[in-house]
Amino acid sequence: MLNHSKSNKILNKMTLSVVLILIVSSVGAQQLNTAVQVAVDTNKASAKAQVRIDKLNDQTDDLTGQYRNILNEIESLRAYNKQLEAVVGDQRVEIDSINKQMTTLEQTNRGIIPMIIEMVDALGKLIEADIPFKKAERQKRLANLEIMLGKSDTSTSEKYRKVTQAYGIELDYGSTVDAYQGALPSGKQVNFLRVGRTTLIYQTLNQEVSGWWDAKQNKFITLDKRQNSAIKEAIRVAKKEASPDLAGLPVLGAKAAGGQ
């Protein structure tokens, strides 16, 4: 019986040992599995962290590049602004100069405009007092000048140029000879011969009647028919239809008038 009891005790101890070994082995395996899982999770986390780090590095590089580009743009803008400031400064100087010129010009205009108006007025008086050659043409030129004086879109220099041009034309009349067709105050069409601005002769188109402008009587006076031939020739010369030869032209005066 004792042997059987000892055998049971030994068997129980062995069973307990086996159970303890199994328990220990099970705990170790679980710990190992846990450790392995931790390692795997750690590796995955490390990989994800590395990916994030790489992305952050890429973003940092991009931001660094953008920052450098911005710095370059800022430098370019500074250089441009500096140049622009110089240009604006020059423009301000130019504007000041123009304003001063405009002030001077305005003062000059205040002096020139009245003078131009007086010149046009004097021109009108000259045309009225002069012998009546090409009167309609000259009065039309005068009227155009008067209209121009009232135009605000015509510069003072242009007004002055037009007026002096008209004066130049009037001055040329004093040293030229001209023949043209026109009308007497009665409306009758005749050929006129102008010598300077002192002599104005007419002859009818059929060359039968001639006359001249008598400034003292302020009207046309009929000439002796014997002068028709010389006047006809003088008109041809003035029209460049014959060689110049005014020797036969009558000396006009009160005695030369042979009619009304």
C-alpha atoms as a PDB file:
ATOM      1  CA  MET A   1       0.000   0.000   0.000  1.00  0.00           C
ATOM      2  CA  LEU A   2       2.826   2.341   0.792  1.00  0.00           C
ATOM      3  CA  ASN A   3       4.316   1.785  -2.539  1.00  0.00           C
ATOM      4  CA  HIS A   4       1.056   2.551  -4.212  1.00  0.00           C
ATOM      5  CA  SER A   5       0.735   5.761  -2.180  1.00  0.00           C
ATOM      6  CA  LYS A   6       4.249   6.845  -3.074  1.00  0.00           C
ATOM      7  CA  SER A   7       3.563   6.111  -6.655  1.00  0.00           C
ATOM      8  CA  ASN A   8       0.497   8.348  -6.551  1.00  0.00           C
ATOM      9  CA  LYS A   9       2.477  11.169  -4.931  1.00  0.00           C
ATOM     10  CA  ILE A  10       5.187  10.919  -7.525  1.00  0.00           C
ATOM     11  CA  LEU A  11       2.576  10.860 -10.261  1.00  0.00           C
ATOM     12  CA  ASN A  12       0.875  13.891  -8.822  1.00  0.00           C
ATOM     13  CA  LYS A  13       4.172  15.798  -8.637  1.00  0.00           C
ATOM     14  CA  MET A  14       4.966  14.908 -12.206  1.00  0.00           C
ATOM     15  CA  THR A  15       1.523  15.953 -13.327  1.00  0.00           C
ATOM     16  CA  LEU A  16       1.901  19.226 -11.465  1.00  0.00           C
ATOM     17  CA  SER A  17       5.282  19.793 -13.053  1.00  0.00           C
ATOM     18  CA  VAL A  18       3.906  19.101 -16.493  1.00  0.00           C
ATOM     19  CA  VAL A  19       0.992  21.454 -15.821  1.00  0.00           C
ATOM     20  CA  LEU A  20       3.398  24.141 -14.598  1.00  0.00           C
ATOM     21  CA  ILE A  21       5.585  23.622 -17.631  1.00  0.00           C
ATOM     22  CA  LEU A  22       2.565  23.900 -19.892  1.00  0.00           C
ATOM     23  CA  ILE A  23       1.398  27.026 -18.089  1.00  0.00           C
ATOM     24  CA  VAL A  24       4.848  28.567 -18.301  1.00  0.00           C
ATOM     25  CA  SER A  25       5.152  27.584 -21.927  1.00  0.00           C
ATOM     26  CA  SER A  26       1.736  29.070 -22.676  1.00  0.00           C
ATOM     27  CA  VAL A  27       2.602  32.313 -20.927  1.00  0.00           C
ATOM     28  CA  GLY A  28       5.947  32.476 -22.726  1.00  0.00           C
ATOM     29  CA  ALA A  29       4.321  31.858 -26.075  1.00  0.00           C
ATOM     30  CA  GLN A  30       1.793  34.588 -25.420  1.00  0.00           C
ATOM     31  CA  GLN A  31       4.527  36.966 -24.355  1.00  0.00           C
ATOM     32  CA  LEU A  32       6.518  36.047 -27.435  1.00  0.00           C
ATOM     33  CA  ASN A  33       3.535  36.586 -29.668  1.00  0.00           C
ATOM     34  CA  THR A  34       2.896  39.855 -27.979  1.00  0.00           C
ATOM     35  CA  ALA A  35       6.511  40.904 -28.420  1.00  0.00           C
ATOM     36  CA  VAL A  36       6.464  39.895 -32.074  1.00  0.00           C
ATOM     37  CA  GLN A  37       3.224  41.795 -32.632  1.00  0.00           C
ATOM     38  CA  VAL A  38       4.696  44.826 -30.901  1.00  0.00           C
ATOM     39  CA  ALA A  39       7.724  44.600 -33.124  1.00  0.00           C
ATOM     40  CA  VAL A  40       5.552  44.290 -36.238  1.00  0.00           C
ATOM     41  CA  ASP A  41       3.375  47.200 -35.144  1.00  0.00           C
ATOM     42  CA  THR A  42       6.457  49.213 -34.334  1.00  0.00           C
ATOM     43  CA  ASN A  43       7.921  48.514 -37.766  1.00  0.00           C
ATOM     44  CA  LYS A  44       4.648  49.538 -39.421  1.00  0.00           C
ATOM     45  CA  ALA A  45       4.482  52.683 -37.343  1.00  0.00           C
ATOM     46  CA  SER A  46       8.109  53.389 -38.180  1.00  0.00           C
ATOM     47  CA  ALA A  47       7.373  52.915 -41.874  1.00  0.00           C
ATOM     48  CA  LYS A  48       4.388  55.252 -41.674  1.00  0.00           C
ATOM     49  CA  ALA A  49       6.403  57.743 -39.690  1.00  0.00           C
ATOM     50  CA  GLN A  50       9.150  57.566 -42.326  1.00  0.00           C
ATOM     51  CA  VAL A  51       6.620  58.200 -45.051  1.00  0.00           C
ATOM     52  CA  ARG A  52       5.353  61.210 -43.119  1.00  0.00           C
ATOM     53  CA  ILE A  53       8.926  62.369 -42.575  1.00  0.00           C
ATOM     54  CA  ASP A  54       9.658  61.995 -46.300  1.00  0.00           C
ATOM     55  CA  LYS A  55       6.508  63.937 -47.137  1.00  0.00           C
ATOM     56  CA  LEU A  56       7.429  66.601 -44.614  1.00  0.00           C
ATOM     57  CA  ASN A  57      10.919  66.769 -46.123  1.00  0.00           C
ATOM     58  CA  ASP A  58       9.415  67.150 -49.596  1.00  0.00           C
ATOM     59  CA  GLN A  59       7.036  69.818 -48.313  1.00  0.00           C
ATOM     60  CA  THR A  60       9.909  71.535 -46.563  1.00  0.00           C
ATOM     61  CA  ASP A  61      11.921  71.514 -49.805  1.00  0.00           C
ATOM     62  CA  ASP A  62       8.926  72.917 -51.676  1.00  0.00           C
ATOM     63  CA  LEU A  63       8.392  75.586 -49.055  1.00  0.00           C
ATOM     64  CA  THR A  64      12.081  76.416 -49.100  1.00  0.00           C
ATOM     65  CA  GLY A  65      11.978  76.746 -52.887  1.00  0.00           C
ATOM     66  CA  GLN A  66       8.851  78.908 -52.705  1.00  0.00           C
ATOM     67  CA  TYR A  67      10.457  81.039 -50.032  1.00  0.00           C
ATOM     68  CA  ARG A  68      13.538  81.567 -52.178  1.00  0.00           C
ATOM     69  CA  ASN A  69      11.347  82.439 -55.176  1.00  0.00           C
ATOM     70  CA  ILE A  70       9.437  84.924 -53.046  1.00  0.00           C
ATOM     71  CA  LEU A  71      12.703  86.474 -51.882  1.00  0.00           C
ATOM     72  CA  ASN A  72      13.821  86.769 -55.519  1.00  0.00           C
ATOM     73  CA  GLU A  73      10.495  88.355 -56.471  1.00  0.00           C
ATOM     74  CA  ILE A  74      10.794  90.790 -53.563  1.00  0.00           C
ATOM     75  CA  GLU A  75      14.274  91.794 -54.731  1.00  0.00           C
ATOM     76  CA  SER A  76      12.985  92.205 -58.291  1.00  0.00           C
ATOM     77  CA  LEU A  77      10.080  94.316 -57.044  1.00  0.00           C
ATOM     78  CA  ARG A  78      12.430  96.453 -54.992  1.00  0.00           C
ATOM     79  CA  ALA A  79      14.617  97.049 -58.042  1.00  0.00           C
ATOM     80  CA  TYR A  80      11.534  97.779 -60.188  1.00  0.00           C
ATOM     81  CA  ASN A  81      10.090 100.138 -57.575  1.00  0.00           C
ATOM     82  CA  LYS A  82      13.400 101.958 -57.374  1.00  0.00           C
ATOM     83  CA  GLN A  83      13.452 102.364 -61.137  1.00  0.00           C
ATOM     84  CA  LEU A  84       9.790 103.376 -61.127  1.00  0.00           C
ATOM     85  CA  GLU A  85      10.455 105.997 -58.483  1.00  0.00           C
ATOM     86  CA  ALA A  86      13.163 107.461 -60.714  1.00  0.00           C
ATOM     87  CA  VAL A  87      10.765 107.529 -63.688  1.00  0.00           C
ATOM     88  CA  VAL A  88       8.004 109.102 -61.592  1.00  0.00           C
ATOM     89  CA  GLY A  89      10.489 111.659 -60.334  1.00  0.00           C
ATOM     90  CA  ASP A  90      11.436 112.574 -63.917  1.00  0.00           C
ATOM     91  CA  GLN A  91       7.759 112.792 -64.844  1.00  0.00           C
ATOM     92  CA  ARG A  92       7.072 115.112 -61.936  1.00  0.00           C
ATOM     93  CA  VAL A  93       9.903 117.368 -63.084  1.00  0.00           C
ATOM     94  CA  GLU A  94       8.501 117.253 -66.635  1.00  0.00           C
ATOM     95  CA  ILE A  95       4.987 118.017 -65.374  1.00  0.00           C
ATOM     96  CA  ASP A  96       6.290 120.969 -63.371  1.00  0.00           C
ATOM     97  CA  SER A  97       8.101 122.211 -66.474  1.00  0.00           C
ATOM     98  CA  ILE A  98       4.963 121.809 -68.613  1.00  0.00           C
ATOM     99  CA  ASN A  99       2.861 123.602 -66.004  1.00  0.00           C
ATOM    100  CA  LYS A 100       5.325 126.493 -66.007  1.00  0.00           C
ATOM    101  CA  GLN A 101       5.288 126.545 -69.805  1.00  0.00           C
ATOM    102  CA  MET A 102       1.486 126.475 -69.790  1.00  0.00           C
ATOM    103  CA  THR A 103       1.466 129.423 -67.409  1.00  0.00           C
ATOM    104  CA  THR A 104       3.870 131.298 -69.649  1.00  0.00           C
ATOM    105  CA  LEU A 105       1.873 130.288 -72.716  1.00  0.00           C
ATOM    106  CA  GLU A 106      -1.346 131.456 -71.085  1.00  0.00           C
ATOM    107  CA  GLN A 107       0.246 134.792 -70.331  1.00  0.00           C
ATOM    108  CA  THR A 108       1.566 134.950 -73.899  1.00  0.00           C
ATOM    109  CA  ASN A 109      -1.875 134.072 -75.275  1.00  0.00           C
ATOM    110  CA  ARG A 110      -3.442 136.899 -73.313  1.00  0.00           C
ATOM    111  CA  GLY A 111      -1.077 139.238 -75.136  1.00  0.00           C
ATOM    112  CA  ILE A 112      -1.179 137.636 -78.591  1.00  0.00           C
ATOM    113  CA  ILE A 113      -4.927 137.014 -78.985  1.00  0.00           C
ATOM    114  CA  PRO A 114      -5.891 140.709 -78.756  1.00  0.00           C
ATOM    115  CA  MET A 115      -3.154 141.526 -81.243  1.00  0.00           C
ATOM    116  CA  ILE A 116      -4.465 138.874 -83.685  1.00  0.00           C
ATOM    117  CA  ILE A 117      -8.000 140.270 -83.342  1.00  0.00           C
ATOM    118  CA  GLU A 118      -6.687 143.761 -84.106  1.00  0.00           C
ATOM    119  CA  MET A 119      -4.802 142.415 -87.141  1.00  0.00           C
ATOM    120  CA  VAL A 120      -7.974 140.812 -88.526  1.00  0.00           C
ATOM    121  CA  ASP A 121      -9.923 144.004 -87.903  1.00  0.00           C
ATOM    122  CA  ALA A 122      -7.233 146.071 -89.650  1.00  0.00           C
ATOM    123  CA  LEU A 123      -7.263 143.616 -92.573  1.00  0.00           C
ATOM    124  CA  GLY A 124     -11.010 144.130 -92.972  1.00  0.00           C
ATOM    125  CA  LYS A 125     -10.571 147.902 -93.019  1.00  0.00           C
ATOM    126  CA  LEU A 126      -7.809 147.550 -95.624  1.00  0.00           C
ATOM    127  CA  ILE A 127     -10.022 145.486 -97.917  1.00  0.00           C
ATOM    128  CA  GLU A 128     -12.877 148.008 -97.619  1.00  0.00           C
ATOM    129  CA  ALA A 129     -10.600 150.989 -98.304  1.00  0.00           C
ATOM    130  CA  ASP A 130      -8.662 149.306-101.119  1.00  0.00           C
ATOM    131  CA  ILE A 131      -9.532 149.265-104.802  1.00  0.00           C
ATOM    132  CA  PRO A 132     -12.253 146.618-105.256  1.00  0.00           C
ATOM    133  CA  PHE A 133     -10.263 143.830-106.906  1.00  0.00           C
ATOM    134  CA  LYS A 134     -11.249 140.237-106.112  1.00  0.00           C
ATOM    135  CA  LYS A 135     -13.348 141.672-103.333  1.00  0.00           C
ATOM    136  CA  ALA A 136     -15.559 138.605-102.834  1.00  0.00           C
ATOM    137  CA  GLU A 137     -12.491 136.338-102.549  1.00  0.00           C
ATOM    138  CA  ARG A 138     -10.762 138.646-100.082  1.00  0.00           C
ATOM    139  CA  GLN A 139     -13.891 139.133 -97.966  1.00  0.00           C
ATOM    140  CA  LYS A 140     -14.394 135.378 -97.819  1.00  0.00           C
ATOM    141  CA  ARG A 141     -10.813 134.951 -96.571  1.00  0.00           C
ATOM    142  CA  LEU A 142     -11.485 137.623 -93.947  1.00  0.00           C
ATOM    143  CA  ALA A 143     -14.726 135.912 -92.860  1.00  0.00           C
ATOM    144  CA  ASN A 144     -12.890 132.598 -92.435  1.00  0.00           C
ATOM    145  CA  LEU A 145     -10.339 134.321 -90.201  1.00  0.00           C
ATOM    146  CA  GLU A 146     -13.101 135.822 -88.058  1.00  0.00           C
ATOM    147  CA  ILE A 147     -14.741 132.393 -87.692  1.00  0.00           C
ATOM    148  CA  MET A 148     -11.385 130.838 -86.779  1.00  0.00           C
ATOM    149  CA  LEU A 149     -10.832 133.368 -83.982  1.00  0.00           C
ATOM    150  CA  GLY A 150     -13.894 132.000 -82.204  1.00  0.00           C
ATOM    151  CA  LYS A 151     -12.778 128.370 -82.357  1.00  0.00           C
ATOM    152  CA  SER A 152     -11.406 127.005 -79.092  1.00  0.00           C
ATOM    153  CA  ASP A 153      -9.927 123.953 -80.807  1.00  0.00           C
ATOM    154  CA  THR A 154      -7.582 126.072 -82.927  1.00  0.00           C
ATOM    155  CA  SER A 155      -4.279 126.882 -81.251  1.00  0.00           C
ATOM    156  CA  THR A 156      -3.048 130.428 -80.876  1.00  0.00           C
ATOM    157  CA  SER A 157      -0.033 129.671 -83.045  1.00  0.00           C
ATOM    158  CA  GLU A 158      -2.311 128.371 -85.828  1.00  0.00           C
ATOM    159  CA  LYS A 159      -4.501 131.464 -85.619  1.00  0.00           C
ATOM    160  CA  TYR A 160      -1.448 133.697 -85.840  1.00  0.00           C
ATOM    161  CA  ARG A 161      -0.103 131.706 -88.798  1.00  0.00           C
ATOM    162  CA  LYS A 162      -3.381 132.013 -90.722  1.00  0.00           C
ATOM    163  CA  VAL A 163      -3.620 135.753 -90.101  1.00  0.00           C
ATOM    164  CA  THR A 164      -0.019 136.427 -91.153  1.00  0.00           C
ATOM    165  CA  GLN A 165      -0.590 134.237 -94.222  1.00  0.00           C
ATOM    166  CA  ALA A 166      -3.555 136.430 -95.188  1.00  0.00           C
ATOM    167  CA  TYR A 167      -1.413 139.525 -94.696  1.00  0.00           C
ATOM    168  CA  GLY A 168       1.259 137.978 -96.923  1.00  0.00           C
ATOM    169  CA  ILE A 169      -1.291 137.491 -99.707  1.00  0.00           C
ATOM    170  CA  GLU A 170      -2.452 141.099 -99.381  1.00  0.00           C
ATOM    171  CA  LEU A 171       1.144 142.359 -99.456  1.00  0.00           C
ATOM    172  CA  ASP A 172       1.849 140.358-102.626  1.00  0.00           C
ATOM    173  CA  TYR A 173      -0.968 142.175-104.394  1.00  0.00           C
ATOM    174  CA  GLY A 174       1.100 145.377-104.187  1.00  0.00           C
ATOM    175  CA  SER A 175       3.892 144.012-106.377  1.00  0.00           C
ATOM    176  CA  THR A 176       2.061 141.826-108.897  1.00  0.00           C
ATOM    177  CA  VAL A 177      -0.014 142.177-112.051  1.00  0.00           C
ATOM    178  CA  ASP A 178      -3.095 140.056-112.488  1.00  0.00           C
ATOM    179  CA  ALA A 179      -5.930 139.535-114.985  1.00  0.00           C
ATOM    180  CA  TYR A 180      -9.124 137.726-114.115  1.00  0.00           C
ATOM    181  CA  GLN A 181     -12.806 137.608-114.957  1.00  0.00           C
ATOM    182  CA  GLY A 182     -15.321 139.080-112.546  1.00  0.00           C
ATOM    183  CA  ALA A 183     -18.418 141.225-112.221  1.00  0.00           C
ATOM    184  CA  LEU A 184     -18.950 144.957-112.066  1.00  0.00           C
ATOM    185  CA  PRO A 185     -21.224 146.326-109.305  1.00  0.00           C
ATOM    186  CA  SER A 186     -24.000 146.152-111.914  1.00  0.00           C
ATOM    187  CA  GLY A 187     -23.411 142.401-112.224  1.00  0.00           C
ATOM    188  CA  LYS A 188     -22.020 142.611-115.765  1.00  0.00           C
ATOM    189  CA  GLN A 189     -19.204 140.086-116.407  1.00  0.00           C
ATOM    190  CA  VAL A 190     -15.940 141.685-117.584  1.00  0.00           C
ATOM    191  CA  ASN A 191     -12.205 141.076-117.702  1.00  0.00           C
ATOM    192  CA  PHE A 192     -10.264 142.904-114.996  1.00  0.00           C
ATOM    193  CA  LEU A 193      -6.636 144.012-115.114  1.00  0.00           C
ATOM    194  CA  ARG A 194      -4.989 144.796-111.785  1.00  0.00           C
ATOM    195  CA  VAL A 195      -1.616 146.521-111.620  1.00  0.00           C
ATOM    196  CA  GLY A 196      -0.307 146.347-108.057  1.00  0.00           C
ATOM    197  CA  ARG A 197      -2.963 147.659-105.706  1.00  0.00           C
ATOM    198  CA  THR A 198      -3.146 151.091-107.334  1.00  0.00           C
ATOM    199  CA  THR A 199      -4.761 150.451-110.725  1.00  0.00           C
ATOM    200  CA  LEU A 200      -7.849 148.421-111.598  1.00  0.00           C
ATOM    201  CA  ILE A 201      -9.090 148.400-115.188  1.00  0.00           C
ATOM    202  CA  TYR A 202     -11.935 146.489-116.740  1.00  0.00           C
ATOM    203  CA  GLN A 203     -12.927 145.616-120.306  1.00  0.00           C
ATOM    204  CA  THR A 204     -16.147 144.034-121.456  1.00  0.00           C
ATOM    205  CA  LEU A 205     -15.922 140.508-122.830  1.00  0.00           C
ATOM    206  CA  ASN A 206     -16.611 141.827-126.361  1.00  0.00           C
ATOM    207  CA  GLN A 207     -13.692 144.270-125.815  1.00  0.00           C
ATOM    208  CA  GLU A 208     -15.805 147.261-126.849  1.00  0.00           C
ATOM    209  CA  VAL A 209     -15.993 149.102-123.527  1.00  0.00           C
ATOM    210  CA  SER A 210     -13.220 149.723-121.002  1.00  0.00           C
ATOM    211  CA  GLY A 211     -13.083 151.562-117.712  1.00  0.00           C
ATOM    212  CA  TRP A 212     -11.083 152.057-114.530  1.00  0.00           C
ATOM    213  CA  TRP A 213     -11.625 152.484-110.804  1.00  0.00           C
ATOM    214  CA  ASP A 214     -11.426 156.122-109.741  1.00  0.00           C
ATOM    215  CA  ALA A 215     -10.556 156.104-106.035  1.00  0.00           C
ATOM    216  CA  LYS A 216     -11.452 159.780-105.644  1.00  0.00           C
ATOM    217  CA  GLN A 217     -14.959 159.244-106.969  1.00  0.00           C
ATOM    218  CA  ASN A 218     -15.087 155.728-105.484  1.00  0.00           C
ATOM    219  CA  LYS A 219     -16.571 154.239-108.662  1.00  0.00           C
ATOM    220  CA  PHE A 220     -15.704 152.842-112.084  1.00  0.00           C
ATOM    221  CA  ILE A 221     -15.236 155.403-114.862  1.00  0.00           C
ATOM    222  CA  THR A 222     -15.602 154.574-118.560  1.00  0.00           C
ATOM    223  CA  LEU A 223     -12.477 155.184-120.661  1.00  0.00           C
ATOM    224  CA  ASP A 224     -12.142 156.448-124.216  1.00  0.00           C
ATOM    225  CA  LYS A 225     -12.643 153.641-126.718  1.00  0.00           C
ATOM    226  CA  ARG A 226      -9.281 154.492-128.294  1.00  0.00           C
ATOM    227  CA  GLN A 227      -7.654 152.824-125.263  1.00  0.00           C
ATOM    228  CA  ASN A 228      -9.466 149.518-125.778  1.00  0.00           C
ATOM    229  CA  SER A 229      -6.690 148.040-127.929  1.00  0.00           C
ATOM    230  CA  ALA A 230      -3.911 148.781-125.401  1.00  0.00           C
ATOM    231  CA  ILE A 231      -6.007 147.460-122.510  1.00  0.00           C
ATOM    232  CA  LYS A 232      -6.852 144.320-124.467  1.00  0.00           C
ATOM    233  CA  GLU A 233      -3.131 143.707-125.067  1.00  0.00           C
ATOM    234  CA  ALA A 234      -2.256 144.378-121.426  1.00  0.00           C
ATOM    235  CA  ILE A 235      -4.874 141.848-120.317  1.00  0.00           C
ATOM    236  CA  ARG A 236      -3.369 139.256-122.690  1.00  0.00           C
ATOM    237  CA  VAL A 237       0.086 139.923-121.235  1.00  0.00           C
ATOM    238  CA  ALA A 238      -1.197 139.569-117.668  1.00  0.00           C
ATOM    239  CA  LYS A 239      -2.793 136.259-118.641  1.00  0.00           C
ATOM    240  CA  LYS A 240       0.579 135.270-120.153  1.00  0.00           C
ATOM    241  CA  GLU A 241      -0.976 135.040-123.587  1.00  0.00           C
ATOM    242  CA  ALA A 242       1.460 137.646-125.007  1.00  0.00           C
ATOM    243  CA  SER A 243       4.930 139.079-124.294  1.00  0.00           C
ATOM    244  CA  PRO A 244       5.092 141.801-121.623  1.00  0.00           C
ATOM    245  CA  ASP A 245       4.715 145.264-123.129  1.00  0.00           C
ATOM    246  CA  LEU A 246       2.749 147.745-121.057  1.00  0.00           C
ATOM    247  CA  ALA A 247       4.095 150.803-122.881  1.00  0.00           C
ATOM    248  CA  GLY A 248       0.757 151.403-124.543  1.00  0.00           C
ATOM    249  CA  LEU A 249      -1.213 151.268-121.287  1.00  0.00           C
ATOM    250  CA  PRO A 250      -2.966 154.615-120.665  1.00  0.00           C
ATOM    251  CA  VAL A 251      -1.892 156.881-117.843  1.00  0.00           C
ATOM    252  CA  LEU A 252      -5.098 157.058-115.860  1.00  0.00           C
ATOM    253  CA  GLY A 253      -6.398 160.195-114.212  1.00  0.00           C
ATOM    254  CA  ALA A 254      -9.222 162.633-114.390  1.00  0.00           C
ATOM    255  CA  LYS A 255      -8.310 163.614-117.982  1.00  0.00           C
ATOM    256  CA  ALA A 256      -8.231 159.988-119.119  1.00  0.00           C
ATOM    257  CA  ALA A 257     -11.852 159.396-118.270  1.00  0.00           C
ATOM    258  CA  GLY A 258     -14.006 159.581-121.343  1.00  0.00           C
ATOM    259  CA  GLY A 259     -17.341 158.694-119.805  1.00  0.00           C
ATOM    260  CA  GLN A 260     -19.223 158.098-116.587  1.00  0.00           C
END
